[in-house]
Amino acid sequence: MTDSLPVDAPETPESFRFNKARKIKRTVDFQLVYRARIRVYNERLTVCCRPTTPSAASRLGLSVSKKVGKAFVRNRWKRLLREAFRLRRRELPVGFDFIAIPTRQDKVPSLEILADDLVKLARRCVRKAIKRGATPSSPESAPVQPAPTSTCE
């Protein structure tokens, strides 16, 4: 199955890392993705997305709550999701930020299952965003700047 969605260009081995440029770390960035209200899910995973600039590389944020399990289980989910993103990054559309949210499971799924789920859900999320008219080149995708507040009267 070939989608007409843009994907990352081939990479050199040294750029095959999951570096800081590929992570969503700031609270503001998480809030922007959540505020876009574009999310899809299956029984294992929920993926939220937000369009950014068309040429920007895909970024991943993780939100693993205590409902998923104890610390070692949450850390396992995070390791697997980061690795799934790193390995399958070329199959993900460019110009979008993604947040992966695992759902409570009796046991943590394998890397292959999570990688497949991540790619499928990311593509569905992007199709949903395009259907709503939120594309990487649209004005809605521009970062929202808070209005300046004045303390002087």
Protein backbone atom coordinates (compact mmCIF):
# COMPACT_ATOMS: atom_id res chain seq x y z
CA MET A 1 0.00 0.00 0.00
CA THR A 2 1.51 3.28 -1.04
CA ASP A 3 0.21 6.55 0.32
CA SER A 4 0.70 9.86 -1.36
CA LEU A 5 1.86 11.38 1.93
CA PRO A 6 5.38 12.88 2.02
CA VAL A 7 8.01 10.88 3.88
CA ASP A 8 11.50 11.62 5.13
CA ALA A 9 14.35 11.37 2.65
CA PRO A 10 16.85 8.51 2.96
CA GLU A 11 19.26 9.03 5.80
CA THR A 12 22.90 8.41 6.41
CA PRO A 13 23.83 6.01 9.25
CA GLU A 14 24.98 8.81 11.57
CA SER A 15 21.60 10.60 11.22
CA PHE A 16 19.67 7.42 12.04
CA ARG A 17 19.65 8.40 15.72
CA PHE A 18 16.71 9.57 17.82
CA ASN A 19 18.26 12.92 18.66
CA LYS A 20 16.93 16.04 20.39
CA ALA A 21 15.57 17.49 17.16
CA ARG A 22 13.21 14.50 16.90
CA LYS A 23 11.78 14.81 20.45
CA ILE A 24 8.91 16.90 21.71
CA LYS A 25 10.05 17.95 25.17
CA ARG A 26 8.52 21.35 25.95
CA THR A 27 5.12 21.64 27.62
CA VAL A 28 4.11 24.31 25.11
CA ASP A 29 4.72 21.90 22.21
CA PHE A 30 2.66 19.18 23.91
CA GLN A 31 -0.16 21.67 24.51
CA LEU A 32 -0.13 22.74 20.86
CA VAL A 33 -0.49 19.14 19.71
CA TYR A 34 -3.31 18.46 22.18
CA ARG A 35 -5.04 21.71 21.22
CA ALA A 36 -5.10 20.64 17.55
CA ARG A 37 -7.56 17.89 18.65
CA ILE A 38 -6.52 15.45 15.97
CA ARG A 39 -6.23 11.98 17.46
CA VAL A 40 -6.74 8.39 16.42
CA TYR A 41 -6.44 5.22 18.45
CA ASN A 42 -6.59 1.46 18.56
CA GLU A 43 -6.61 -0.99 21.47
CA ARG A 44 -2.95 -0.39 22.32
CA LEU A 45 -2.11 3.18 21.42
CA THR A 46 -3.50 6.68 20.89
CA VAL A 47 -1.67 9.03 18.53
CA CYS A 48 -2.24 12.79 18.43
CA CYS A 49 -0.77 14.96 15.70
CA ARG A 50 -0.35 18.58 14.70
CA PRO A 51 0.92 19.99 11.42
CA THR A 52 4.11 22.05 11.55
CA THR A 53 6.13 23.41 8.64
CA PRO A 54 6.07 21.29 5.46
CA SER A 55 9.81 20.59 5.40
CA ALA A 56 10.16 19.95 9.14
CA ALA A 57 11.16 16.48 10.27
CA SER A 58 8.63 14.41 12.18
CA ARG A 59 8.90 14.69 15.95
CA LEU A 60 7.64 12.34 18.66
CA GLY A 61 6.43 13.05 22.16
CA LEU A 62 5.51 10.40 24.71
CA SER A 63 2.83 10.61 27.36
CA VAL A 64 2.85 7.49 29.51
CA SER A 65 0.69 7.84 32.60
CA LYS A 66 0.81 5.88 35.84
CA LYS A 67 -2.39 4.12 34.75
CA VAL A 68 -0.25 2.10 32.33
CA GLY A 69 1.69 0.47 35.14
CA LYS A 70 4.60 0.79 37.50
CA ALA A 71 7.77 2.66 36.58
CA PHE A 72 9.53 -0.29 34.94
CA VAL A 73 6.47 -0.92 32.73
CA ARG A 74 6.19 2.77 31.75
CA ASN A 75 9.91 2.88 30.95
CA ARG A 76 9.58 -0.24 28.80
CA TRP A 77 6.74 1.42 26.82
CA LYS A 78 8.84 4.54 26.32
CA ARG A 79 11.90 2.60 25.17
CA LEU A 80 9.85 0.57 22.70
CA LEU A 81 7.98 3.59 21.32
CA ARG A 82 11.19 5.56 20.84
CA GLU A 83 12.80 2.62 19.08
CA ALA A 84 9.72 2.07 16.89
CA PHE A 85 9.82 5.74 15.89
CA ARG A 86 13.55 5.61 15.22
CA LEU A 87 13.33 2.48 13.06
CA ARG A 88 10.22 3.43 11.09
CA ARG A 89 10.77 7.20 10.88
CA ARG A 90 11.13 7.11 7.10
CA GLU A 91 7.59 5.72 6.80
CA LEU A 92 6.09 8.60 8.79
CA PRO A 93 4.80 11.75 7.10
CA VAL A 94 7.00 14.85 7.42
CA GLY A 95 5.76 18.18 8.67
CA PHE A 96 3.91 16.79 11.71
CA ASP A 97 4.44 16.45 15.44
CA PHE A 98 3.13 13.23 16.98
CA ILE A 99 2.36 12.26 20.57
CA ALA A 100 2.02 8.57 21.41
CA ILE A 101 -0.10 7.61 24.41
CA PRO A 102 -0.19 3.91 25.35
CA THR A 103 -3.33 2.39 26.85
CA ARG A 104 -3.41 0.03 29.77
CA GLN A 105 -2.45 -3.50 28.72
CA ASP A 106 -1.94 -6.76 30.56
CA LYS A 107 1.47 -7.06 28.94
CA VAL A 108 3.63 -4.78 26.83
CA PRO A 109 3.37 -5.60 23.09
CA SER A 110 6.40 -6.45 20.99
CA LEU A 111 8.45 -3.86 19.12
CA GLU A 112 7.12 -5.03 15.73
CA ILE A 113 3.50 -4.62 16.80
CA LEU A 114 4.13 -1.17 18.28
CA ALA A 115 6.08 -0.04 15.21
CA ASP A 116 3.25 -1.14 12.91
CA ASP A 117 0.66 0.53 15.13
CA LEU A 118 2.65 3.75 15.32
CA VAL A 119 3.01 4.03 11.53
CA LYS A 120 -0.62 3.11 10.82
CA LEU A 121 -2.01 5.47 13.43
CA ALA A 122 0.30 8.31 12.39
CA ARG A 123 -0.84 7.99 8.78
CA ARG A 124 -4.50 7.87 9.84
CA CYS A 125 -3.94 10.93 12.02
CA VAL A 126 -2.37 12.85 9.14
CA ARG A 127 -5.23 11.88 6.80
CA LYS A 128 -7.66 13.13 9.44
CA ALA A 129 -5.72 16.40 9.71
CA ILE A 130 -5.75 16.87 5.95
CA LYS A 131 -9.47 16.10 5.85
CA ARG A 132 -10.04 18.86 8.42
CA GLY A 133 -7.96 21.24 6.34
CA ALA A 134 -5.03 21.45 8.77
CA THR A 135 -2.00 20.86 6.55
CA PRO A 136 1.61 21.83 7.24
CA SER A 137 1.29 24.82 4.92
CA SER A 138 -1.99 26.15 6.36
CA PRO A 139 -2.14 29.14 8.72
CA GLU A 140 -3.81 27.02 11.44
CA SER A 141 -0.59 25.09 11.83
CA ALA A 142 1.42 28.16 12.80
CA PRO A 143 2.46 28.19 16.45
CA VAL A 144 0.02 30.01 18.67
CA GLN A 145 1.65 32.94 20.44
CA PRO A 146 0.11 34.05 23.71
CA ALA A 147 -1.29 37.56 23.72
CA PRO A 148 0.99 40.05 25.49
CA THR A 149 -0.30 41.06 28.88
CA SER A 150 0.15 44.48 30.32
CA THR A 151 0.57 45.06 34.02
CA CYS A 152 0.44 48.84 33.69
CA GLU A 153 -2.89 50.64 33.82
